[in-house]
Amino acid sequence: MTKKNEEDSLELLKRRPRDRPFCLTVAFFATHEEDHSEEQYKPQPDSMSLYVNDTAPLAPSATQEAWEVMPIFFTEGNEARTRWH
């Protein structure tokens, strides 16, 4: 899906009318395409080499204190919380 989005976007940019404004939003990764699989968060195979020896730090808000002040609908059963874990 990512590769198809790339190709379609490039094709649109080639064909679009140059005398008219436009807006293009592209999602390169299929959002949560494989729920419950850690593989969905890894870069695409062609770009893996860009991330060798890189680490992503935890967000400053990834604390129990921050969790405790979230709105009431953010429960442990909330899908966003499941994905965060």
C-alpha atoms as a PDB file:
ATOM      1  CA  MET A   1       0.000   0.000   0.000  1.00  0.00           C
ATOM      2  CA  THR A   2       2.841   2.392   0.837  1.00  0.00           C
ATOM      3  CA  LYS A   3       4.485   1.936  -2.555  1.00  0.00           C
ATOM      4  CA  LYS A   4       1.161   2.408  -4.366  1.00  0.00           C
ATOM      5  CA  ASN A   5       0.504   5.647  -2.428  1.00  0.00           C
ATOM      6  CA  GLU A   6       3.936   6.897  -3.463  1.00  0.00           C
ATOM      7  CA  GLU A   7       3.392   6.065  -7.144  1.00  0.00           C
ATOM      8  CA  ASP A   8      -0.113   7.554  -7.212  1.00  0.00           C
ATOM      9  CA  SER A   9       1.100  10.759  -5.544  1.00  0.00           C
ATOM     10  CA  LEU A  10       3.964  11.215  -7.989  1.00  0.00           C
ATOM     11  CA  GLU A  11       1.598  10.613 -10.897  1.00  0.00           C
ATOM     12  CA  LEU A  12      -0.821  13.232  -9.564  1.00  0.00           C
ATOM     13  CA  LEU A  13       1.995  15.759  -9.205  1.00  0.00           C
ATOM     14  CA  LYS A  14       3.019  15.168 -12.819  1.00  0.00           C
ATOM     15  CA  ARG A  15      -0.536  15.511 -14.185  1.00  0.00           C
ATOM     16  CA  ARG A  16      -2.030  18.251 -12.033  1.00  0.00           C
ATOM     17  CA  PRO A  17      -3.033  21.568 -13.615  1.00  0.00           C
ATOM     18  CA  ARG A  18      -0.213  24.048 -12.978  1.00  0.00           C
ATOM     19  CA  ASP A  19      -2.559  27.043 -12.984  1.00  0.00           C
ATOM     20  CA  ARG A  20      -4.767  25.833 -10.114  1.00  0.00           C
ATOM     21  CA  PRO A  21      -4.041  25.507  -6.398  1.00  0.00           C
ATOM     22  CA  PHE A  22      -4.227  22.086  -4.811  1.00  0.00           C
ATOM     23  CA  CYS A  23      -3.541  20.245  -1.603  1.00  0.00           C
ATOM     24  CA  LEU A  24      -2.097  16.754  -1.409  1.00  0.00           C
ATOM     25  CA  THR A  25      -1.960  14.719   1.783  1.00  0.00           C
ATOM     26  CA  VAL A  26      -0.201  11.377   1.572  1.00  0.00           C
ATOM     27  CA  ALA A  27      -0.145   8.644   4.198  1.00  0.00           C
ATOM     28  CA  PHE A  28       2.858   6.493   3.362  1.00  0.00           C
ATOM     29  CA  PHE A  29       2.136   3.761   5.879  1.00  0.00           C
ATOM     30  CA  ALA A  30      -1.180   1.992   5.977  1.00  0.00           C
ATOM     31  CA  THR A  31      -2.402   3.092   9.400  1.00  0.00           C
ATOM     32  CA  HIS A  32      -2.525   0.185  11.855  1.00  0.00           C
ATOM     33  CA  GLU A  33      -2.629  -2.211   8.954  1.00  0.00           C
ATOM     34  CA  GLU A  34      -1.572  -5.126  11.131  1.00  0.00           C
ATOM     35  CA  ASP A  35      -2.974  -4.466  14.591  1.00  0.00           C
ATOM     36  CA  HIS A  36      -1.310  -6.441  17.349  1.00  0.00           C
ATOM     37  CA  SER A  37       1.873  -6.874  15.279  1.00  0.00           C
ATOM     38  CA  GLU A  38       5.017  -4.972  16.253  1.00  0.00           C
ATOM     39  CA  GLU A  39       6.101  -5.228  12.601  1.00  0.00           C
ATOM     40  CA  GLN A  40       3.648  -2.446  11.673  1.00  0.00           C
ATOM     41  CA  TYR A  41       5.831   0.123  13.449  1.00  0.00           C
ATOM     42  CA  LYS A  42       9.046  -0.745  11.603  1.00  0.00           C
ATOM     43  CA  PRO A  43      10.217   1.245   8.563  1.00  0.00           C
ATOM     44  CA  GLN A  44       9.630  -0.161   5.108  1.00  0.00           C
ATOM     45  CA  PRO A  45      12.375  -2.569   3.937  1.00  0.00           C
ATOM     46  CA  ASP A  46      13.847  -0.103   1.401  1.00  0.00           C
ATOM     47  CA  SER A  47      14.442   2.490   4.136  1.00  0.00           C
ATOM     48  CA  MET A  48      15.626   0.226   6.994  1.00  0.00           C
ATOM     49  CA  SER A  49      19.261   1.222   6.365  1.00  0.00           C
ATOM     50  CA  LEU A  50      18.404   4.833   7.287  1.00  0.00           C
ATOM     51  CA  TYR A  51      17.657   3.745  10.853  1.00  0.00           C
ATOM     52  CA  VAL A  52      20.700   1.600  11.668  1.00  0.00           C
ATOM     53  CA  ASN A  53      21.972   2.466  15.165  1.00  0.00           C
ATOM     54  CA  ASP A  54      19.088   4.914  15.775  1.00  0.00           C
ATOM     55  CA  THR A  55      16.864   4.775  18.813  1.00  0.00           C
ATOM     56  CA  ALA A  56      13.698   6.684  19.558  1.00  0.00           C
ATOM     57  CA  PRO A  57      13.552   8.057  23.105  1.00  0.00           C
ATOM     58  CA  LEU A  58      10.403   7.733  25.160  1.00  0.00           C
ATOM     59  CA  ALA A  59       8.195  10.793  25.057  1.00  0.00           C
ATOM     60  CA  PRO A  60       8.422  12.997  28.175  1.00  0.00           C
ATOM     61  CA  SER A  61       4.691  12.368  28.660  1.00  0.00           C
ATOM     62  CA  ALA A  62       5.161   8.577  28.846  1.00  0.00           C
ATOM     63  CA  THR A  63       4.744   8.567  32.610  1.00  0.00           C
ATOM     64  CA  GLN A  64       2.226   7.213  35.062  1.00  0.00           C
ATOM     65  CA  GLU A  65       1.519  10.798  36.198  1.00  0.00           C
ATOM     66  CA  ALA A  66       0.613  11.853  32.647  1.00  0.00           C
ATOM     67  CA  TRP A  67      -1.624   8.802  32.262  1.00  0.00           C
ATOM     68  CA  GLU A  68      -3.496   9.611  35.475  1.00  0.00           C
ATOM     69  CA  VAL A  69      -4.594  13.051  34.206  1.00  0.00           C
ATOM     70  CA  MET A  70      -5.897  11.785  30.848  1.00  0.00           C
ATOM     71  CA  PRO A  71      -9.638  12.160  30.127  1.00  0.00           C
ATOM     72  CA  ILE A  72     -11.892   9.502  31.654  1.00  0.00           C
ATOM     73  CA  PHE A  73     -12.430   7.684  28.327  1.00  0.00           C
ATOM     74  CA  PHE A  74      -8.729   6.728  28.202  1.00  0.00           C
ATOM     75  CA  THR A  75      -8.945   3.488  30.103  1.00  0.00           C
ATOM     76  CA  GLU A  76      -6.719   0.430  30.001  1.00  0.00           C
ATOM     77  CA  GLY A  77      -9.286  -1.055  27.614  1.00  0.00           C
ATOM     78  CA  ASN A  78      -8.983   1.858  25.159  1.00  0.00           C
ATOM     79  CA  GLU A  79      -7.421   0.795  21.826  1.00  0.00           C
ATOM     80  CA  ALA A  80      -5.011   3.746  21.917  1.00  0.00           C
ATOM     81  CA  ARG A  81      -3.723   2.545  25.290  1.00  0.00           C
ATOM     82  CA  THR A  82      -3.391  -0.996  23.943  1.00  0.00           C
ATOM     83  CA  ARG A  83      -1.281   0.298  21.057  1.00  0.00           C
ATOM     84  CA  TRP A  84       0.817   2.423  23.424  1.00  0.00           C
ATOM     85  CA  HIS A  85       1.717  -0.687  25.434  1.00  0.00           C
END
